[in-house]
Amino acid sequence: QVQLVESGGGLVQAGGSLRLSCAASGSIFSINAMGWYRQAPGKERELVAAISRIRSTYYADSVKGRFTISRDNAKNTLYLQMNSLKPEDTAMYYCTQGPAIGNYDYWGQGTQVTVSS
């Protein structure tokens, strides 16, 4: 059974940084694509960043240059380093796993990120 557990969310002032982590279990982590989605109240869920098994990456335009996605296959862990945070980054952030970028089968329960102005 695949489990994805996010951590690292919290409250931060605008301009600050957070690092999200996603611990994966129950699958062969290294062969899967991983991603971070976010959903703010009243808005659609959006793909923020993704990384393939060969470490190709994707970023939404809104986070390019500020967020960095990475993976540690030895620790079965996905990361999202978020710098220069803005109030519009406030959302629930979800970790996902699947066979390819944009094609995800499993989801974590989310971690809340709140950026105050």
C-alpha atoms as a PDB file:
ATOM      1  CA  GLN A   1       0.000   0.000   0.000  1.00  0.00           C
ATOM      2  CA  VAL A   2       1.497   3.312  -1.099  1.00  0.00           C
ATOM      3  CA  GLN A   3       1.645   6.041   1.515  1.00  0.00           C
ATOM      4  CA  LEU A   4       2.760   9.618   1.010  1.00  0.00           C
ATOM      5  CA  VAL A   5       3.219  11.762   4.110  1.00  0.00           C
ATOM      6  CA  GLU A   6       3.904  15.471   3.756  1.00  0.00           C
ATOM      7  CA  SER A   7       5.526  17.689   6.349  1.00  0.00           C
ATOM      8  CA  GLY A   8       7.149  21.091   6.643  1.00  0.00           C
ATOM      9  CA  GLY A   9       4.217  23.395   6.126  1.00  0.00           C
ATOM     10  CA  GLY A  10       3.469  26.305   8.406  1.00  0.00           C
ATOM     11  CA  LEU A  11       3.021  30.032   8.753  1.00  0.00           C
ATOM     12  CA  VAL A  12       5.690  32.309   7.303  1.00  0.00           C
ATOM     13  CA  GLN A  13       5.967  35.973   6.444  1.00  0.00           C
ATOM     14  CA  ALA A  14       6.156  37.140   2.862  1.00  0.00           C
ATOM     15  CA  GLY A  15       9.706  36.818   1.586  1.00  0.00           C
ATOM     16  CA  GLY A  16      10.415  33.863   3.831  1.00  0.00           C
ATOM     17  CA  SER A  17      11.217  30.261   3.038  1.00  0.00           C
ATOM     18  CA  LEU A  18       9.883  26.808   3.795  1.00  0.00           C
ATOM     19  CA  ARG A  19      10.946  23.333   2.784  1.00  0.00           C
ATOM     20  CA  LEU A  20       8.284  20.715   2.313  1.00  0.00           C
ATOM     21  CA  SER A  21       9.076  17.022   2.539  1.00  0.00           C
ATOM     22  CA  CYS A  22       7.150  13.994   1.368  1.00  0.00           C
ATOM     23  CA  ALA A  23       8.082  10.587   2.752  1.00  0.00           C
ATOM     24  CA  ALA A  24       6.978   7.744   0.481  1.00  0.00           C
ATOM     25  CA  SER A  25       6.514   4.079   1.327  1.00  0.00           C
ATOM     26  CA  GLY A  26       4.983   1.000  -0.225  1.00  0.00           C
ATOM     27  CA  SER A  27       6.381   1.476  -3.724  1.00  0.00           C
ATOM     28  CA  ILE A  28       9.655   1.564  -5.624  1.00  0.00           C
ATOM     29  CA  PHE A  29      10.207   5.277  -5.153  1.00  0.00           C
ATOM     30  CA  SER A  30      13.029   5.662  -7.665  1.00  0.00           C
ATOM     31  CA  ILE A  31      11.013   4.543 -10.704  1.00  0.00           C
ATOM     32  CA  ASN A  32       8.133   6.921 -10.174  1.00  0.00           C
ATOM     33  CA  ALA A  33       7.509  10.508 -11.114  1.00  0.00           C
ATOM     34  CA  MET A  34       6.674  12.765  -8.197  1.00  0.00           C
ATOM     35  CA  GLY A  35       4.940  16.082  -7.953  1.00  0.00           C
ATOM     36  CA  TRP A  36       3.624  18.824  -5.735  1.00  0.00           C
ATOM     37  CA  TYR A  37       0.163  20.237  -6.250  1.00  0.00           C
ATOM     38  CA  ARG A  38      -1.513  23.008  -4.316  1.00  0.00           C
ATOM     39  CA  GLN A  39      -5.065  24.124  -3.789  1.00  0.00           C
ATOM     40  CA  ALA A  40      -6.183  27.382  -2.267  1.00  0.00           C
ATOM     41  CA  PRO A  41      -9.733  27.942  -0.977  1.00  0.00           C
ATOM     42  CA  GLY A  42     -12.103  28.570  -3.866  1.00  0.00           C
ATOM     43  CA  LYS A  43      -9.475  27.783  -6.490  1.00  0.00           C
ATOM     44  CA  GLU A  44      -8.699  24.808  -8.668  1.00  0.00           C
ATOM     45  CA  ARG A  45      -5.866  22.492  -7.798  1.00  0.00           C
ATOM     46  CA  GLU A  46      -2.710  23.282  -9.746  1.00  0.00           C
ATOM     47  CA  LEU A  47       0.527  21.452 -10.420  1.00  0.00           C
ATOM     48  CA  VAL A  48       3.300  23.473  -8.815  1.00  0.00           C
ATOM     49  CA  ALA A  49       6.354  21.371  -9.578  1.00  0.00           C
ATOM     50  CA  ALA A  50       7.200  17.873 -10.726  1.00  0.00           C
ATOM     51  CA  ILE A  51      10.209  15.640 -11.162  1.00  0.00           C
ATOM     52  CA  SER A  52      10.566  12.526 -13.265  1.00  0.00           C
ATOM     53  CA  ARG A  53      12.475   9.374 -12.407  1.00  0.00           C
ATOM     54  CA  ILE A  54      15.403  10.715 -14.468  1.00  0.00           C
ATOM     55  CA  ARG A  55      15.111  14.043 -12.619  1.00  0.00           C
ATOM     56  CA  SER A  56      13.613  16.099 -15.410  1.00  0.00           C
ATOM     57  CA  THR A  57      11.683  18.906 -13.762  1.00  0.00           C
ATOM     58  CA  TYR A  58       8.618  21.024 -14.407  1.00  0.00           C
ATOM     59  CA  TYR A  59       7.577  24.245 -12.696  1.00  0.00           C
ATOM     60  CA  ALA A  60       4.480  26.352 -12.928  1.00  0.00           C
ATOM     61  CA  ASP A  61       5.244  29.826 -14.234  1.00  0.00           C
ATOM     62  CA  SER A  62       4.104  31.330 -10.949  1.00  0.00           C
ATOM     63  CA  VAL A  63       6.890  29.608  -8.978  1.00  0.00           C
ATOM     64  CA  LYS A  64       9.784  29.503 -11.449  1.00  0.00           C
ATOM     65  CA  GLY A  65      12.955  30.881  -9.920  1.00  0.00           C
ATOM     66  CA  ARG A  66      11.521  30.662  -6.389  1.00  0.00           C
ATOM     67  CA  PHE A  67      10.743  26.971  -5.843  1.00  0.00           C
ATOM     68  CA  THR A  68      13.020  23.971  -6.312  1.00  0.00           C
ATOM     69  CA  ILE A  69      11.855  20.371  -6.417  1.00  0.00           C
ATOM     70  CA  SER A  70      14.265  17.558  -5.615  1.00  0.00           C
ATOM     71  CA  ARG A  71      14.234  13.919  -4.658  1.00  0.00           C
ATOM     72  CA  ASP A  72      16.420  11.657  -2.543  1.00  0.00           C
ATOM     73  CA  ASN A  73      15.865   8.125  -3.783  1.00  0.00           C
ATOM     74  CA  ALA A  74      17.974   6.654  -0.987  1.00  0.00           C
ATOM     75  CA  LYS A  75      15.585   8.166   1.570  1.00  0.00           C
ATOM     76  CA  ASN A  76      12.388   7.736  -0.501  1.00  0.00           C
ATOM     77  CA  THR A  77      11.738  11.407   0.038  1.00  0.00           C
ATOM     78  CA  LEU A  78      10.590  14.264  -2.144  1.00  0.00           C
ATOM     79  CA  TYR A  79      11.306  17.899  -1.321  1.00  0.00           C
ATOM     80  CA  LEU A  80      10.055  21.311  -2.305  1.00  0.00           C
ATOM     81  CA  GLN A  81      12.244  24.243  -1.330  1.00  0.00           C
ATOM     82  CA  MET A  82      10.144  27.394  -1.409  1.00  0.00           C
ATOM     83  CA  ASN A  83      11.885  30.753  -1.283  1.00  0.00           C
ATOM     84  CA  SER A  84      10.653  34.340  -1.621  1.00  0.00           C
ATOM     85  CA  LEU A  85       7.201  33.218  -0.581  1.00  0.00           C
ATOM     86  CA  LYS A  86       4.234  35.388  -1.446  1.00  0.00           C
ATOM     87  CA  PRO A  87       0.749  35.569   0.097  1.00  0.00           C
ATOM     88  CA  GLU A  88      -0.612  34.033  -3.117  1.00  0.00           C
ATOM     89  CA  ASP A  89       1.406  30.894  -2.360  1.00  0.00           C
ATOM     90  CA  THR A  90      -0.950  30.220   0.544  1.00  0.00           C
ATOM     91  CA  ALA A  91      -2.581  26.842  -0.053  1.00  0.00           C
ATOM     92  CA  MET A  92      -2.712  23.219   0.929  1.00  0.00           C
ATOM     93  CA  TYR A  93       0.210  21.457  -0.707  1.00  0.00           C
ATOM     94  CA  TYR A  94      -0.095  17.830  -1.782  1.00  0.00           C
ATOM     95  CA  CYS A  95       2.546  15.285  -2.731  1.00  0.00           C
ATOM     96  CA  THR A  96       1.760  12.942  -5.595  1.00  0.00           C
ATOM     97  CA  GLN A  97       3.298   9.868  -7.201  1.00  0.00           C
ATOM     98  CA  GLY A  98       2.746   8.130 -10.520  1.00  0.00           C
ATOM     99  CA  PRO A  99       4.306   6.678 -13.654  1.00  0.00           C
ATOM    100  CA  ALA A 100       4.968   9.995 -15.372  1.00  0.00           C
ATOM    101  CA  ILE A 101       4.802  13.739 -14.821  1.00  0.00           C
ATOM    102  CA  GLY A 102       1.161  14.739 -14.870  1.00  0.00           C
ATOM    103  CA  ASN A 103      -0.028  11.153 -14.466  1.00  0.00           C
ATOM    104  CA  TYR A 104      -0.430  10.485 -10.757  1.00  0.00           C
ATOM    105  CA  ASP A 105      -2.007   7.559  -8.949  1.00  0.00           C
ATOM    106  CA  TYR A 106      -1.377   8.387  -5.312  1.00  0.00           C
ATOM    107  CA  TRP A 107      -1.807  11.451  -3.135  1.00  0.00           C
ATOM    108  CA  GLY A 108      -0.793  12.505   0.325  1.00  0.00           C
ATOM    109  CA  GLN A 109      -3.116  14.210   2.783  1.00  0.00           C
ATOM    110  CA  GLY A 110      -1.492  17.596   2.388  1.00  0.00           C
ATOM    111  CA  THR A 111       0.371  20.169   4.427  1.00  0.00           C
ATOM    112  CA  GLN A 112      -0.841  23.731   4.874  1.00  0.00           C
ATOM    113  CA  VAL A 113       1.330  26.661   3.844  1.00  0.00           C
ATOM    114  CA  THR A 114       0.227  30.119   4.922  1.00  0.00           C
ATOM    115  CA  VAL A 115       2.131  33.235   3.886  1.00  0.00           C
ATOM    116  CA  SER A 116       1.271  36.449   5.692  1.00  0.00           C
ATOM    117  CA  SER A 117       1.766  39.871   4.150  1.00  0.00           C
END
